[in-house]
Amino acid sequence: MRVTPRRAGRLLTAALASIALCAAAPAAAAGTTGWARPDSYTVPGDDAFPEGIARHTGTPYFYVGSTTDGTVYRGHVRSEEMSEFLPGGADGRTTALGMKVDRFGRLIVAGGATGSVWVYSTRTGELLHEFTAEHPEVFLNDVVVAPDGDVYVTDSFQPYIYRIGAEQLHGRSTRSAPLSVFADLHGTPVEYQEGFNVNGIAATPDGRYLLIADANDSALYRVPVRGGEVVEIDLGEDVVTGDGLLLRAGTLYAVSRVDGNGAVVNVVRLRDRYTEGELLRRVTDPGLLSPSTAAFDDQGDMLVVNFQFGATDPELPFTVSRLSRWELGSPWW
């Protein structure tokens, strides 16, 4: 290509403009312009005690639930302020814990001691389904959507994992349907005690296993989806107390309020078909305040909910903190 003086001038102008844009990007106002994103997001109100979070893949939105009144808030990855999406108390939703958004844009919310799981349209906020556990004294804590679209729900009080089949989520039916038991953990290495037991849950990419965290005995377990034994994941001499769990590229991220300094994300490299793991690091950050669970955003950063469970004088406002992929030791995402 022949470069004329006029063309050379245009190329120089374009290069200088590009350099100026790159230099200005870090200084852009967080949450409003450019590529910059806030270090934290503000949850409205002074009594929310947020616990669960769900990222809507393919959109800029994420959702967080209040444990005190069931309000569900919606956030935008580039805006510091979250807003109310579903009012507290509606549909009997007096608390909102673990939640996920499936590939059809349905928000699935676990209701703790209410015994219900609600399914909403993220487009309209309309209630699509409600599923209710038939066992008394349950605590439906966390939710995961498996690769085939099935939904699994943990119970921290009763030794069960529940399943909502993908086919049950089609259409619309606001009448309460039974929440079916998928796995009975009686007689397995998972031993339920007084207090909160199994909490966080993740599904492997091949859909063959569920990974669960038992907070009472600070252990992680592998649960087969189609036959086989429940086994404890061998971490050697390391101890990991998991609340929320995320699994990505063979690495498990367990959010914890107990390990390390009381506010960490445990990074565990899994191997041997998820039966063994190596604790790589415990990630800490000044912004973490008794965190509960997390979700990945579209650029590999982690959004961590600062639950502040049990705090009589919580630090306000309640927030969701951002941990960069560099902090997590995952620059390849």
Protein backbone atom coordinates (compact mmCIF):
# COMPACT_ATOMS: atom_id res chain seq x y z
CA MET A 1 0.00 0.00 0.00
CA ARG A 2 1.38 3.40 -0.98
CA VAL A 3 1.34 5.83 1.94
CA THR A 4 0.75 9.36 0.75
CA PRO A 5 1.40 12.37 3.01
CA ARG A 6 -2.39 12.77 3.43
CA ARG A 7 -2.84 9.08 4.38
CA ALA A 8 0.13 9.26 6.76
CA GLY A 9 -1.51 12.21 8.49
CA ARG A 10 -4.78 10.32 8.90
CA LEU A 11 -2.98 7.28 10.35
CA LEU A 12 -1.10 9.46 12.83
CA THR A 13 -4.32 11.20 13.91
CA ALA A 14 -6.06 7.84 14.44
CA ALA A 15 -3.12 6.49 16.43
CA LEU A 16 -3.03 9.53 18.69
CA ALA A 17 -6.80 9.30 19.25
CA SER A 18 -6.47 5.62 20.20
CA ILE A 19 -3.68 6.37 22.67
CA ALA A 20 -5.75 9.17 24.23
CA LEU A 21 -8.76 6.88 24.59
CA CYS A 22 -6.71 4.18 26.33
CA ALA A 23 -5.18 6.72 28.69
CA ALA A 24 -8.59 8.16 29.56
CA ALA A 25 -10.33 4.81 30.16
CA PRO A 26 -9.03 4.18 33.71
CA ALA A 27 -10.11 7.66 34.72
CA ALA A 28 -13.67 7.22 33.47
CA ALA A 29 -16.34 7.54 36.14
CA ALA A 30 -16.93 4.10 37.64
CA GLY A 31 -20.31 2.63 36.79
CA THR A 32 -21.34 5.28 34.31
CA THR A 33 -19.14 5.47 31.21
CA GLY A 34 -16.56 3.55 29.21
CA TRP A 35 -15.38 0.15 30.40
CA ALA A 36 -14.88 1.09 34.05
CA ARG A 37 -16.92 -0.80 36.64
CA PRO A 38 -17.49 -0.02 40.32
CA ASP A 39 -15.46 -1.68 43.04
CA SER A 40 -18.73 -2.19 44.93
CA TYR A 41 -22.49 -1.93 44.47
CA THR A 42 -24.92 -0.47 47.00
CA VAL A 43 -27.94 -2.47 48.14
CA PRO A 44 -30.83 -0.12 49.11
CA GLY A 45 -32.05 0.10 52.68
CA ASP A 46 -30.46 -0.36 56.09
CA ASP A 47 -31.93 -3.77 56.94
CA ALA A 48 -31.50 -5.84 53.76
CA PHE A 49 -28.86 -8.34 54.95
CA PRO A 50 -28.39 -9.60 51.36
CA GLU A 51 -27.37 -13.24 50.93
CA GLY A 52 -27.89 -14.64 47.41
CA ILE A 53 -26.80 -13.37 44.02
CA ALA A 54 -27.57 -14.38 40.43
CA ARG A 55 -25.91 -13.13 37.25
CA HIS A 56 -28.01 -12.95 34.08
CA THR A 57 -25.55 -14.09 31.43
CA GLY A 58 -25.66 -12.12 28.18
CA THR A 59 -27.06 -9.02 29.87
CA PRO A 60 -25.49 -6.38 32.16
CA TYR A 61 -27.80 -7.34 35.05
CA PHE A 62 -27.46 -9.25 38.30
CA TYR A 63 -29.89 -9.89 41.16
CA VAL A 64 -29.51 -9.91 44.94
CA GLY A 65 -32.03 -10.99 47.59
CA SER A 66 -32.82 -9.72 51.09
CA THR A 67 -33.02 -12.28 53.89
CA THR A 68 -35.13 -10.00 56.08
CA ASP A 69 -38.16 -9.33 53.87
CA GLY A 70 -37.62 -11.16 50.55
CA THR A 71 -37.01 -8.08 48.41
CA VAL A 72 -35.08 -8.86 45.23
CA TYR A 73 -32.84 -6.09 43.91
CA ARG A 74 -31.44 -5.69 40.43
CA GLY A 75 -28.05 -4.24 39.63
CA HIS A 76 -26.26 -3.18 36.46
CA VAL A 77 -22.55 -4.03 36.23
CA ARG A 78 -21.69 -0.41 35.36
CA SER A 79 -23.86 1.33 37.95
CA GLU A 80 -23.04 1.61 41.65
CA GLU A 81 -26.68 1.82 42.76
CA MET A 82 -29.02 -1.17 42.75
CA SER A 83 -32.82 -0.86 42.63
CA GLU A 84 -35.83 -2.88 43.73
CA PHE A 85 -36.95 -5.49 41.21
CA LEU A 86 -39.42 -7.57 43.26
CA PRO A 87 -41.06 -6.17 46.42
CA GLY A 88 -40.58 -7.99 49.70
CA GLY A 89 -43.46 -10.16 50.90
CA ALA A 90 -45.02 -10.61 47.46
CA ASP A 91 -46.10 -14.20 46.65
CA GLY A 92 -45.28 -15.17 50.25
CA ARG A 93 -41.62 -14.43 49.56
CA THR A 94 -40.63 -13.13 53.00
CA THR A 95 -36.98 -14.06 52.55
CA ALA A 96 -34.74 -14.61 49.53
CA LEU A 97 -31.57 -16.66 49.70
CA GLY A 98 -29.75 -18.60 46.97
CA MET A 99 -30.75 -17.68 43.43
CA LYS A 100 -29.78 -18.32 39.82
CA VAL A 101 -30.91 -17.17 36.36
CA ASP A 102 -31.25 -19.93 33.76
CA ARG A 103 -30.56 -19.60 30.04
CA PHE A 104 -34.20 -18.68 29.38
CA GLY A 105 -34.01 -15.63 31.66
CA ARG A 106 -35.91 -17.19 34.55
CA LEU A 107 -34.88 -16.10 38.05
CA ILE A 108 -35.05 -18.99 40.53
CA VAL A 109 -35.14 -18.00 44.22
CA ALA A 110 -34.80 -20.24 47.30
CA GLY A 111 -36.97 -19.20 50.22
CA GLY A 112 -35.22 -20.60 53.29
CA ALA A 113 -37.65 -21.55 56.08
CA THR A 114 -40.69 -20.68 53.92
CA GLY A 115 -40.12 -24.00 52.15
CA SER A 116 -40.75 -22.46 48.74
CA VAL A 117 -38.80 -21.89 45.56
CA TRP A 118 -40.13 -19.17 43.25
CA VAL A 119 -39.45 -18.74 39.55
CA TYR A 120 -39.83 -15.30 37.94
CA SER A 121 -39.45 -13.76 34.52
CA THR A 122 -36.50 -11.36 34.54
CA ARG A 123 -38.18 -9.51 31.67
CA THR A 124 -41.49 -8.74 33.37
CA GLY A 125 -41.06 -9.73 37.03
CA GLU A 126 -44.03 -12.07 36.64
CA LEU A 127 -44.27 -15.12 38.91
CA LEU A 128 -44.05 -18.19 36.66
CA HIS A 129 -43.89 -21.08 39.13
CA GLU A 130 -43.77 -21.92 42.81
CA PHE A 131 -42.45 -25.20 44.23
CA THR A 132 -42.88 -26.18 47.87
CA ALA A 133 -41.07 -28.76 50.01
CA GLU A 134 -43.35 -31.29 51.67
CA HIS A 135 -41.02 -31.90 54.61
CA PRO A 136 -41.45 -29.81 57.78
CA GLU A 137 -38.77 -27.56 59.23
CA VAL A 138 -36.80 -27.13 56.05
CA PHE A 139 -34.35 -24.40 55.10
CA LEU A 140 -33.99 -24.10 51.33
CA ASN A 141 -30.63 -22.41 51.03
CA ASP A 142 -28.89 -22.48 47.67
CA VAL A 143 -29.68 -23.15 44.02
CA VAL A 144 -27.80 -24.32 40.93
CA VAL A 145 -28.89 -24.79 37.31
CA ALA A 146 -27.28 -27.87 35.74
CA PRO A 147 -26.16 -27.94 32.09
CA ASP A 148 -29.35 -29.79 31.08
CA GLY A 149 -31.55 -27.13 32.67
CA ASP A 150 -32.50 -29.09 35.77
CA VAL A 151 -32.44 -27.09 39.01
CA TYR A 152 -31.07 -28.43 42.30
CA VAL A 153 -31.76 -26.93 45.73
CA THR A 154 -29.98 -27.58 49.04
CA ASP A 155 -31.66 -27.88 52.43
CA SER A 156 -29.59 -26.84 55.44
CA PHE A 157 -31.92 -28.42 58.02
CA GLN A 158 -33.01 -31.67 56.35
CA PRO A 159 -30.59 -34.13 54.64
CA TYR A 160 -32.05 -33.74 51.18
CA ILE A 161 -31.20 -32.20 47.83
CA TYR A 162 -34.25 -31.29 45.77
CA ARG A 163 -34.66 -31.27 42.01
CA ILE A 164 -36.87 -29.23 39.69
CA GLY A 165 -36.82 -30.79 36.23
CA ALA A 166 -36.20 -28.56 33.23
CA GLU A 167 -39.55 -29.68 31.83
CA GLN A 168 -41.31 -28.36 34.95
CA LEU A 169 -40.13 -24.84 34.18
CA HIS A 170 -41.81 -24.61 30.80
CA GLY A 171 -44.99 -22.59 30.48
CA ARG A 172 -46.57 -20.80 33.40
CA SER A 173 -48.28 -22.15 36.50
CA THR A 174 -48.41 -20.09 39.68
CA ARG A 175 -50.10 -22.90 41.59
CA SER A 176 -47.72 -24.43 44.11
CA ALA A 177 -46.24 -27.75 42.98
CA PRO A 178 -44.33 -30.24 45.15
CA LEU A 179 -40.58 -29.91 45.40
CA SER A 180 -39.24 -33.38 44.68
CA VAL A 181 -36.40 -34.99 46.61
CA PHE A 182 -33.50 -35.85 44.32
CA ALA A 183 -30.97 -37.16 46.84
CA ASP A 184 -31.48 -38.50 50.35
CA LEU A 185 -28.22 -37.92 52.24
CA HIS A 186 -29.05 -40.31 55.09
CA GLY A 187 -26.38 -43.00 55.31
CA THR A 188 -23.82 -41.00 53.29
CA PRO A 189 -20.64 -39.30 54.53
CA VAL A 190 -22.67 -36.09 54.85
CA GLU A 191 -23.75 -36.06 58.50
CA TYR A 192 -26.35 -33.50 59.51
CA GLN A 193 -26.04 -31.91 62.96
CA GLU A 194 -27.74 -29.09 64.84
CA GLY A 195 -27.51 -25.77 63.02
CA PHE A 196 -26.82 -25.10 59.35
CA ASN A 197 -25.47 -27.99 57.34
CA VAL A 198 -25.29 -28.24 53.54
CA ASN A 199 -25.38 -24.83 51.92
CA GLY A 200 -23.55 -24.02 48.67
CA ILE A 201 -23.96 -26.14 45.54
CA ALA A 202 -22.36 -26.24 42.09
CA ALA A 203 -22.79 -28.50 39.05
CA THR A 204 -19.94 -29.87 36.96
CA PRO A 205 -19.84 -28.85 33.27
CA ASP A 206 -20.47 -32.43 32.11
CA GLY A 207 -23.61 -32.61 34.27
CA ARG A 208 -22.44 -35.80 36.00
CA TYR A 209 -21.91 -34.43 39.50
CA LEU A 210 -23.05 -31.88 42.05
CA LEU A 211 -20.55 -30.38 44.47
CA ILE A 212 -21.86 -29.32 47.87
CA ALA A 213 -20.42 -27.59 50.94
CA ASP A 214 -21.32 -28.68 54.48
CA ALA A 215 -20.64 -25.72 56.75
CA ASN A 216 -21.08 -27.72 59.95
CA ASP A 217 -18.15 -30.05 59.34
CA SER A 218 -16.14 -27.77 57.00
CA ALA A 219 -16.15 -30.32 54.19
CA LEU A 220 -16.88 -30.51 50.47
CA TYR A 221 -18.64 -33.45 48.82
CA ARG A 222 -19.25 -34.84 45.34
CA VAL A 223 -22.78 -36.09 44.68
CA PRO A 224 -23.41 -38.15 41.50
CA VAL A 225 -26.42 -37.16 39.43
CA ARG A 226 -27.10 -40.62 38.00
CA GLY A 227 -26.14 -43.32 40.45
CA GLY A 228 -23.04 -43.83 42.53
CA GLU A 229 -21.76 -42.93 45.96
CA VAL A 230 -21.48 -39.58 47.68
CA VAL A 231 -17.79 -38.99 48.47
CA GLU A 232 -15.94 -36.35 50.46
CA ILE A 233 -13.49 -34.32 48.38
CA ASP A 234 -10.01 -34.96 49.77
CA LEU A 235 -8.25 -31.66 50.50
CA GLY A 236 -5.34 -33.20 52.38
CA GLU A 237 -4.71 -31.30 55.60
CA ASP A 238 -6.49 -28.15 54.45
CA VAL A 239 -9.92 -27.16 55.71
CA VAL A 240 -12.44 -25.26 53.61
CA THR A 241 -15.71 -24.02 55.07
CA GLY A 242 -17.86 -23.15 52.10
CA ASP A 243 -20.97 -21.04 51.87
CA GLY A 244 -21.58 -20.13 48.23
CA LEU A 245 -19.76 -22.23 45.61
CA LEU A 246 -18.68 -21.41 42.05
CA LEU A 247 -17.02 -23.88 39.68
CA ARG A 248 -15.08 -22.77 36.63
CA ALA A 249 -12.36 -24.41 34.51
CA GLY A 250 -11.77 -27.14 37.09
CA THR A 251 -11.37 -24.66 39.93
CA LEU A 252 -13.81 -24.37 42.83
CA TYR A 253 -14.33 -21.02 44.55
CA ALA A 254 -15.80 -21.31 48.05
CA VAL A 255 -16.91 -18.09 49.72
CA SER A 256 -16.47 -18.26 53.48
CA ARG A 257 -17.02 -16.30 56.66
CA VAL A 258 -14.90 -18.69 58.73
CA ASP A 259 -11.60 -19.59 57.09
CA GLY A 260 -8.55 -17.33 57.09
CA ASN A 261 -9.43 -13.93 58.50
CA GLY A 262 -13.16 -14.65 58.48
CA ALA A 263 -13.85 -13.19 55.04
CA VAL A 264 -12.22 -15.10 52.21
CA VAL A 265 -12.71 -16.78 48.87
CA ASN A 266 -11.05 -20.21 48.96
CA VAL A 267 -9.59 -21.18 45.58
CA VAL A 268 -9.41 -24.97 45.20
CA ARG A 269 -8.02 -26.77 42.15
CA LEU A 270 -9.95 -30.01 41.64
CA ARG A 271 -8.71 -33.23 40.06
CA ASP A 272 -9.39 -36.97 39.78
CA ARG A 273 -13.02 -36.49 38.74
CA TYR A 274 -13.65 -33.96 41.52
CA THR A 275 -12.68 -36.35 44.32
CA GLU A 276 -9.47 -34.50 45.27
CA GLY A 277 -8.57 -30.86 45.59
CA GLU A 278 -5.64 -28.59 46.35
CA LEU A 279 -6.18 -25.32 48.17
CA LEU A 280 -4.29 -22.80 46.04
CA ARG A 281 -5.01 -19.65 48.01
CA ARG A 282 -7.39 -17.83 50.29
CA VAL A 283 -8.26 -14.51 48.67
CA THR A 284 -8.97 -11.65 51.04
CA ASP A 285 -10.01 -8.07 50.40
CA PRO A 286 -10.79 -5.11 52.70
CA GLY A 287 -14.21 -4.80 51.05
CA LEU A 288 -15.37 -8.25 52.16
CA LEU A 289 -17.72 -8.09 55.15
CA SER A 290 -18.87 -11.53 56.30
CA PRO A 291 -19.53 -12.61 52.68
CA SER A 292 -22.02 -15.31 51.75
CA THR A 293 -21.83 -16.13 48.06
CA ALA A 294 -20.76 -14.82 44.67
CA ALA A 295 -21.29 -14.78 40.91
CA PHE A 296 -18.95 -14.21 37.97
CA ASP A 297 -19.57 -11.27 35.70
CA ASP A 298 -18.93 -11.37 31.96
CA GLN A 299 -15.27 -10.37 32.23
CA GLY A 300 -14.25 -12.96 34.83
CA ASP A 301 -14.43 -10.72 37.89
CA MET A 302 -16.31 -12.00 40.92
CA LEU A 303 -19.25 -10.18 42.54
CA VAL A 304 -19.33 -11.10 46.24
CA VAL A 305 -22.32 -10.45 48.51
CA ASN A 306 -21.48 -8.91 51.89
CA PHE A 307 -24.12 -10.61 54.02
CA GLN A 308 -22.88 -9.44 57.47
CA PHE A 309 -24.78 -12.36 59.01
CA GLY A 310 -25.54 -11.86 62.69
CA ALA A 311 -24.20 -8.31 62.84
CA THR A 312 -26.14 -6.26 65.39
CA ASP A 313 -24.61 -3.04 64.09
CA PRO A 314 -23.92 -3.73 60.39
CA GLU A 315 -21.69 -1.49 58.33
CA LEU A 316 -23.98 0.49 56.06
CA PRO A 317 -24.78 0.55 53.27
CA PHE A 318 -24.94 -3.14 52.46
CA THR A 319 -22.84 -3.88 49.43
CA VAL A 320 -21.73 -6.31 46.76
CA SER A 321 -17.94 -6.21 46.29
CA ARG A 322 -16.02 -6.79 43.10
CA LEU A 323 -12.93 -9.02 43.15
CA SER A 324 -10.93 -8.76 39.95
CA ARG A 325 -9.87 -11.86 38.07
CA TRP A 326 -6.28 -10.82 38.85
CA GLU A 327 -6.97 -11.00 42.59
CA LEU A 328 -8.43 -14.46 42.09
CA GLY A 329 -5.35 -15.55 40.19
CA SER A 330 -7.33 -16.21 37.01
CA PRO A 331 -5.96 -13.83 34.33
CA TRP A 332 -6.76 -16.23 31.48
CA TRP A 333 -10.52 -15.52 31.60
